[in-house]
Amino acid sequence: IYSVAGQVFPPEGYFREMYEIVRQHGGVCIADEVQVGFGRVGKEFWGFQLNGADVVPDIVTMGKPAGNGHPIGIVVTTEEIAKAFENGIEYFNTFGGNPVSCTIGLEVLKVIQE
């Protein structure tokens, strides 16, 4: 799904085929849900779900709607990909995981769920 006018819409089945090709070559498939996630597309919770139940990304990025105006970013991935980062190098981010943003994100999810 596209959230800004002017894009070329791919043909039916495009993402299904592309995901298969990418994975055959050892790549990962990423869905950017920053604009369209959290039910903003109507009948589905995630924009990528509009491509079919079998079109599931390896990584999903989320942002704006997760904080309902509060700046927040989220990345969700598979357990396999997450474990690839268990290499002894600690990730550092000045604001990553701060309690205010985490609380706001959780409350937004509660409201959406209700």
N, C-alpha and C. Protein backbone atom coordinates (compact mmCIF):
# COMPACT_ATOMS: atom_id res chain seq x y z
N ILE A 1 0.87 -1.18 0.00
CA ILE A 1 0.00 0.00 0.00
C ILE A 1 0.90 1.23 0.00
N TYR A 2 0.43 2.25 -0.58
CA TYR A 2 1.21 3.46 -0.68
C TYR A 2 0.50 4.60 0.03
N SER A 3 1.27 5.36 0.79
CA SER A 3 0.65 6.38 1.62
C SER A 3 0.79 7.78 1.06
N VAL A 4 1.57 7.95 0.01
CA VAL A 4 1.76 9.26 -0.59
C VAL A 4 1.49 9.12 -2.09
N ALA A 5 0.84 10.09 -2.66
CA ALA A 5 0.47 10.00 -4.08
C ALA A 5 1.69 9.99 -4.98
N GLY A 6 1.55 9.39 -6.14
CA GLY A 6 2.58 9.44 -7.15
C GLY A 6 3.35 8.17 -7.39
N GLN A 7 3.13 7.12 -6.60
CA GLN A 7 3.86 5.88 -6.79
C GLN A 7 3.23 5.04 -7.90
N VAL A 8 4.03 4.13 -8.41
CA VAL A 8 3.55 3.15 -9.37
C VAL A 8 3.13 1.93 -8.57
N PHE A 9 1.90 1.49 -8.74
CA PHE A 9 1.40 0.34 -7.99
C PHE A 9 1.83 -0.94 -8.68
N PRO A 10 2.43 -1.86 -7.94
CA PRO A 10 2.89 -3.11 -8.55
C PRO A 10 1.71 -4.01 -8.91
N PRO A 11 1.92 -4.93 -9.84
CA PRO A 11 0.85 -5.84 -10.22
C PRO A 11 0.54 -6.84 -9.09
N GLU A 12 -0.62 -7.45 -9.17
CA GLU A 12 -1.05 -8.47 -8.20
C GLU A 12 0.01 -9.56 -8.11
N GLY A 13 0.36 -9.95 -6.90
CA GLY A 13 1.33 -11.01 -6.68
C GLY A 13 2.79 -10.57 -6.71
N TYR A 14 3.04 -9.30 -6.95
CA TYR A 14 4.40 -8.79 -7.06
C TYR A 14 5.22 -9.06 -5.79
N PHE A 15 4.67 -8.66 -4.63
CA PHE A 15 5.43 -8.83 -3.39
C PHE A 15 5.63 -10.30 -3.04
N ARG A 16 4.67 -11.12 -3.32
CA ARG A 16 4.80 -12.56 -3.08
C ARG A 16 6.01 -13.09 -3.87
N GLU A 17 6.08 -12.74 -5.14
CA GLU A 17 7.17 -13.19 -6.00
C GLU A 17 8.50 -12.58 -5.58
N MET A 18 8.50 -11.29 -5.26
CA MET A 18 9.74 -10.62 -4.87
C MET A 18 10.28 -11.19 -3.56
N TYR A 19 9.41 -11.44 -2.59
CA TYR A 19 9.85 -12.01 -1.32
C TYR A 19 10.51 -13.36 -1.56
N GLU A 20 9.93 -14.16 -2.43
CA GLU A 20 10.49 -15.49 -2.73
C GLU A 20 11.88 -15.35 -3.36
N ILE A 21 12.02 -14.46 -4.31
CA ILE A 21 13.31 -14.26 -4.99
C ILE A 21 14.35 -13.73 -4.01
N VAL A 22 13.99 -12.74 -3.22
CA VAL A 22 14.92 -12.16 -2.25
C VAL A 22 15.42 -13.23 -1.29
N ARG A 23 14.51 -14.03 -0.76
CA ARG A 23 14.89 -15.08 0.20
C ARG A 23 15.73 -16.17 -0.45
N GLN A 24 15.44 -16.50 -1.71
CA GLN A 24 16.25 -17.50 -2.41
C GLN A 24 17.71 -17.07 -2.52
N HIS A 25 17.94 -15.77 -2.52
CA HIS A 25 19.29 -15.23 -2.64
C HIS A 25 19.86 -14.80 -1.29
N GLY A 26 19.23 -15.24 -0.20
CA GLY A 26 19.76 -14.96 1.13
C GLY A 26 19.42 -13.61 1.71
N GLY A 27 18.52 -12.87 1.08
CA GLY A 27 18.14 -11.56 1.57
C GLY A 27 16.99 -11.62 2.56
N VAL A 28 16.69 -10.50 3.14
CA VAL A 28 15.54 -10.39 4.04
C VAL A 28 14.55 -9.39 3.46
N CYS A 29 13.29 -9.59 3.79
CA CYS A 29 12.21 -8.73 3.28
C CYS A 29 11.76 -7.80 4.39
N ILE A 30 11.69 -6.52 4.06
CA ILE A 30 11.37 -5.50 5.06
C ILE A 30 10.10 -4.76 4.64
N ALA A 31 9.18 -4.63 5.58
CA ALA A 31 7.96 -3.85 5.34
C ALA A 31 8.04 -2.57 6.15
N ASP A 32 7.89 -1.45 5.48
CA ASP A 32 7.90 -0.15 6.14
C ASP A 32 6.46 0.22 6.46
N GLU A 33 6.10 0.11 7.73
CA GLU A 33 4.74 0.40 8.17
C GLU A 33 4.65 1.73 8.92
N VAL A 34 5.66 2.59 8.73
CA VAL A 34 5.69 3.86 9.45
C VAL A 34 4.45 4.70 9.15
N GLN A 35 4.03 4.76 7.91
CA GLN A 35 2.86 5.55 7.54
C GLN A 35 1.56 4.76 7.62
N VAL A 36 1.61 3.47 7.29
CA VAL A 36 0.36 2.74 7.06
C VAL A 36 0.02 1.68 8.11
N GLY A 37 0.86 1.48 9.11
CA GLY A 37 0.60 0.45 10.11
C GLY A 37 -0.45 0.84 11.13
N PHE A 38 -0.73 -0.09 12.02
CA PHE A 38 -1.65 0.12 13.14
C PHE A 38 -3.08 0.40 12.69
N GLY A 39 -3.52 -0.31 11.66
CA GLY A 39 -4.91 -0.21 11.23
C GLY A 39 -5.24 0.99 10.38
N ARG A 40 -4.26 1.72 9.94
CA ARG A 40 -4.53 2.93 9.16
C ARG A 40 -4.98 2.65 7.74
N VAL A 41 -4.92 1.37 7.32
CA VAL A 41 -5.34 1.02 5.96
C VAL A 41 -6.78 0.53 5.91
N GLY A 42 -7.43 0.47 7.06
CA GLY A 42 -8.83 0.05 7.05
C GLY A 42 -9.04 -1.36 7.53
N LYS A 43 -9.18 -2.30 6.60
CA LYS A 43 -9.59 -3.65 6.99
C LYS A 43 -8.47 -4.49 7.59
N GLU A 44 -7.23 -4.13 7.40
CA GLU A 44 -6.10 -4.88 7.93
C GLU A 44 -5.32 -4.03 8.93
N PHE A 45 -4.66 -4.68 9.88
CA PHE A 45 -3.86 -3.95 10.86
C PHE A 45 -2.55 -3.46 10.27
N TRP A 46 -1.98 -4.26 9.35
CA TRP A 46 -0.72 -3.89 8.69
C TRP A 46 -0.94 -3.75 7.19
N GLY A 47 -0.29 -2.79 6.59
CA GLY A 47 -0.40 -2.58 5.15
C GLY A 47 0.07 -3.79 4.36
N PHE A 48 1.12 -4.47 4.83
CA PHE A 48 1.63 -5.62 4.07
C PHE A 48 0.62 -6.75 4.00
N GLN A 49 -0.34 -6.80 4.91
CA GLN A 49 -1.36 -7.84 4.90
C GLN A 49 -2.28 -7.73 3.68
N LEU A 50 -2.32 -6.59 3.06
CA LEU A 50 -3.14 -6.41 1.86
C LEU A 50 -2.59 -7.19 0.67
N ASN A 51 -1.34 -7.68 0.79
CA ASN A 51 -0.71 -8.46 -0.28
C ASN A 51 -1.00 -9.94 -0.16
N GLY A 52 -1.71 -10.36 0.87
CA GLY A 52 -2.02 -11.78 1.07
C GLY A 52 -1.45 -12.31 2.37
N ALA A 53 -2.11 -13.29 2.94
CA ALA A 53 -1.71 -13.86 4.23
C ALA A 53 -0.34 -14.52 4.17
N ASP A 54 0.08 -14.93 2.98
CA ASP A 54 1.36 -15.61 2.84
C ASP A 54 2.52 -14.66 2.53
N VAL A 55 2.26 -13.37 2.49
CA VAL A 55 3.29 -12.37 2.24
C VAL A 55 3.65 -11.74 3.59
N VAL A 56 4.64 -12.34 4.25
CA VAL A 56 5.02 -11.92 5.60
C VAL A 56 6.48 -11.49 5.59
N PRO A 57 6.75 -10.25 5.97
CA PRO A 57 8.13 -9.76 5.96
C PRO A 57 8.96 -10.36 7.09
N ASP A 58 10.28 -10.23 6.95
CA ASP A 58 11.20 -10.67 7.98
C ASP A 58 11.43 -9.57 9.03
N ILE A 59 11.30 -8.34 8.58
CA ILE A 59 11.47 -7.18 9.45
C ILE A 59 10.35 -6.21 9.15
N VAL A 60 9.78 -5.61 10.21
CA VAL A 60 8.74 -4.58 10.05
C VAL A 60 9.20 -3.35 10.83
N THR A 61 9.18 -2.20 10.15
CA THR A 61 9.50 -0.94 10.82
C THR A 61 8.20 -0.18 11.05
N MET A 62 8.10 0.43 12.20
CA MET A 62 6.90 1.19 12.58
C MET A 62 7.33 2.49 13.23
N GLY A 63 6.44 3.44 13.25
CA GLY A 63 6.81 4.71 13.85
C GLY A 63 5.64 5.57 14.25
N LYS A 64 5.39 6.60 13.48
CA LYS A 64 4.48 7.69 13.81
C LYS A 64 3.22 7.30 14.58
N PRO A 65 2.39 6.39 14.08
CA PRO A 65 1.16 6.10 14.81
C PRO A 65 1.39 5.40 16.14
N ALA A 66 2.54 4.79 16.34
CA ALA A 66 2.81 4.08 17.60
C ALA A 66 2.85 5.01 18.79
N GLY A 67 3.20 6.26 18.54
CA GLY A 67 3.29 7.23 19.63
C GLY A 67 2.17 8.25 19.63
N ASN A 68 1.25 8.17 18.68
CA ASN A 68 0.15 9.13 18.58
C ASN A 68 0.63 10.57 18.73
N GLY A 69 1.71 10.89 18.03
CA GLY A 69 2.26 12.24 18.08
C GLY A 69 3.59 12.30 18.82
N HIS A 70 3.82 11.38 19.74
CA HIS A 70 5.10 11.32 20.45
C HIS A 70 6.10 10.60 19.54
N PRO A 71 7.31 11.13 19.38
CA PRO A 71 8.27 10.49 18.48
C PRO A 71 8.71 9.13 19.02
N ILE A 72 8.44 8.11 18.23
CA ILE A 72 8.79 6.75 18.63
C ILE A 72 9.05 5.94 17.37
N GLY A 73 9.95 5.02 17.45
CA GLY A 73 10.23 4.12 16.35
C GLY A 73 10.32 2.70 16.87
N ILE A 74 9.88 1.74 16.06
CA ILE A 74 9.85 0.35 16.48
C ILE A 74 10.32 -0.53 15.33
N VAL A 75 11.07 -1.54 15.65
CA VAL A 75 11.46 -2.55 14.67
C VAL A 75 11.11 -3.90 15.25
N VAL A 76 10.42 -4.72 14.46
CA VAL A 76 10.07 -6.07 14.85
C VAL A 76 10.67 -7.01 13.82
N THR A 77 11.22 -8.12 14.29
CA THR A 77 11.83 -9.06 13.37
C THR A 77 11.64 -10.48 13.87
N THR A 78 12.15 -11.41 13.11
CA THR A 78 12.06 -12.82 13.49
C THR A 78 13.10 -13.13 14.56
N GLU A 79 12.86 -14.20 15.28
CA GLU A 79 13.82 -14.61 16.31
C GLU A 79 15.18 -14.92 15.68
N GLU A 80 15.17 -15.55 14.52
CA GLU A 80 16.41 -15.90 13.83
C GLU A 80 17.25 -14.66 13.52
N ILE A 81 16.63 -13.63 13.00
CA ILE A 81 17.36 -12.40 12.68
C ILE A 81 17.83 -11.71 13.96
N ALA A 82 17.00 -11.67 14.97
CA ALA A 82 17.38 -11.04 16.24
C ALA A 82 18.59 -11.74 16.85
N LYS A 83 18.63 -13.06 16.79
CA LYS A 83 19.76 -13.82 17.35
C LYS A 83 21.06 -13.53 16.61
N ALA A 84 20.97 -13.13 15.36
CA ALA A 84 22.18 -12.79 14.60
C ALA A 84 22.90 -11.59 15.21
N PHE A 85 22.21 -10.81 16.03
CA PHE A 85 22.82 -9.65 16.68
C PHE A 85 23.45 -10.00 18.02
N GLU A 86 23.33 -11.24 18.45
CA GLU A 86 23.94 -11.69 19.71
C GLU A 86 25.39 -12.06 19.44
N ASN A 87 26.20 -11.03 19.22
CA ASN A 87 27.59 -11.27 18.85
C ASN A 87 28.58 -10.60 19.79
N GLY A 88 28.11 -10.17 20.96
CA GLY A 88 28.99 -9.54 21.93
C GLY A 88 29.08 -8.03 21.80
N ILE A 89 28.62 -7.49 20.70
CA ILE A 89 28.64 -6.03 20.53
C ILE A 89 27.30 -5.50 21.03
N GLU A 90 27.36 -4.65 22.03
CA GLU A 90 26.14 -4.09 22.59
C GLU A 90 25.65 -2.93 21.73
N TYR A 91 24.34 -2.90 21.50
CA TYR A 91 23.74 -1.78 20.76
C TYR A 91 23.53 -0.62 21.71
N PHE A 92 23.83 0.58 21.28
CA PHE A 92 23.64 1.75 22.12
C PHE A 92 22.85 2.80 21.37
N ASN A 93 21.90 3.41 22.07
CA ASN A 93 21.10 4.47 21.50
C ASN A 93 20.76 5.42 22.62
N THR A 94 20.98 6.69 22.42
CA THR A 94 20.78 7.68 23.47
C THR A 94 19.37 7.62 24.07
N PHE A 95 18.36 7.49 23.21
CA PHE A 95 16.99 7.50 23.70
C PHE A 95 16.31 6.14 23.62
N GLY A 96 16.99 5.14 23.10
CA GLY A 96 16.38 3.82 22.89
C GLY A 96 15.84 3.21 24.17
N GLY A 97 14.59 2.82 24.15
CA GLY A 97 13.97 2.13 25.28
C GLY A 97 13.70 2.99 26.49
N ASN A 98 13.65 4.32 26.31
CA ASN A 98 13.40 5.15 27.49
C ASN A 98 11.99 4.91 28.02
N PRO A 99 11.79 5.01 29.33
CA PRO A 99 10.50 4.66 29.93
C PRO A 99 9.32 5.51 29.48
N VAL A 100 9.55 6.77 29.17
CA VAL A 100 8.44 7.63 28.73
C VAL A 100 7.91 7.16 27.38
N SER A 101 8.80 6.96 26.41
CA SER A 101 8.38 6.52 25.09
C SER A 101 7.76 5.12 25.13
N CYS A 102 8.35 4.24 25.91
CA CYS A 102 7.81 2.88 26.02
C CYS A 102 6.41 2.90 26.62
N THR A 103 6.20 3.71 27.65
CA THR A 103 4.87 3.82 28.27
C THR A 103 3.85 4.37 27.29
N ILE A 104 4.23 5.41 26.56
CA ILE A 104 3.32 5.99 25.57
C ILE A 104 2.98 4.96 24.50
N GLY A 105 3.98 4.26 23.98
CA GLY A 105 3.73 3.24 22.97
C GLY A 105 2.79 2.15 23.46
N LEU A 106 2.99 1.69 24.69
CA LEU A 106 2.12 0.66 25.26
C LEU A 106 0.69 1.16 25.42
N GLU A 107 0.53 2.41 25.84
CA GLU A 107 -0.83 2.96 26.02
C GLU A 107 -1.53 3.12 24.68
N VAL A 108 -0.80 3.53 23.65
CA VAL A 108 -1.40 3.62 22.31
C VAL A 108 -1.88 2.25 21.86
N LEU A 109 -1.06 1.23 22.06
CA LEU A 109 -1.46 -0.13 21.69
C LEU A 109 -2.71 -0.58 22.45
N LYS A 110 -2.81 -0.22 23.72
CA LYS A 110 -4.00 -0.58 24.52
C LYS A 110 -5.24 0.07 23.93
N VAL A 111 -5.14 1.34 23.56
CA VAL A 111 -6.30 2.05 22.98
C VAL A 111 -6.69 1.40 21.66
N ILE A 112 -5.72 1.09 20.82
CA ILE A 112 -6.02 0.44 19.53
C ILE A 112 -6.69 -0.91 19.76
N GLN A 113 -6.18 -1.66 20.72
CA GLN A 113 -6.74 -2.99 20.99
C GLN A 113 -8.19 -2.90 21.48
N GLU A 114 -8.49 -1.89 22.28
CA GLU A 114 -9.86 -1.72 22.79
C GLU A 114 -10.79 -1.32 21.67
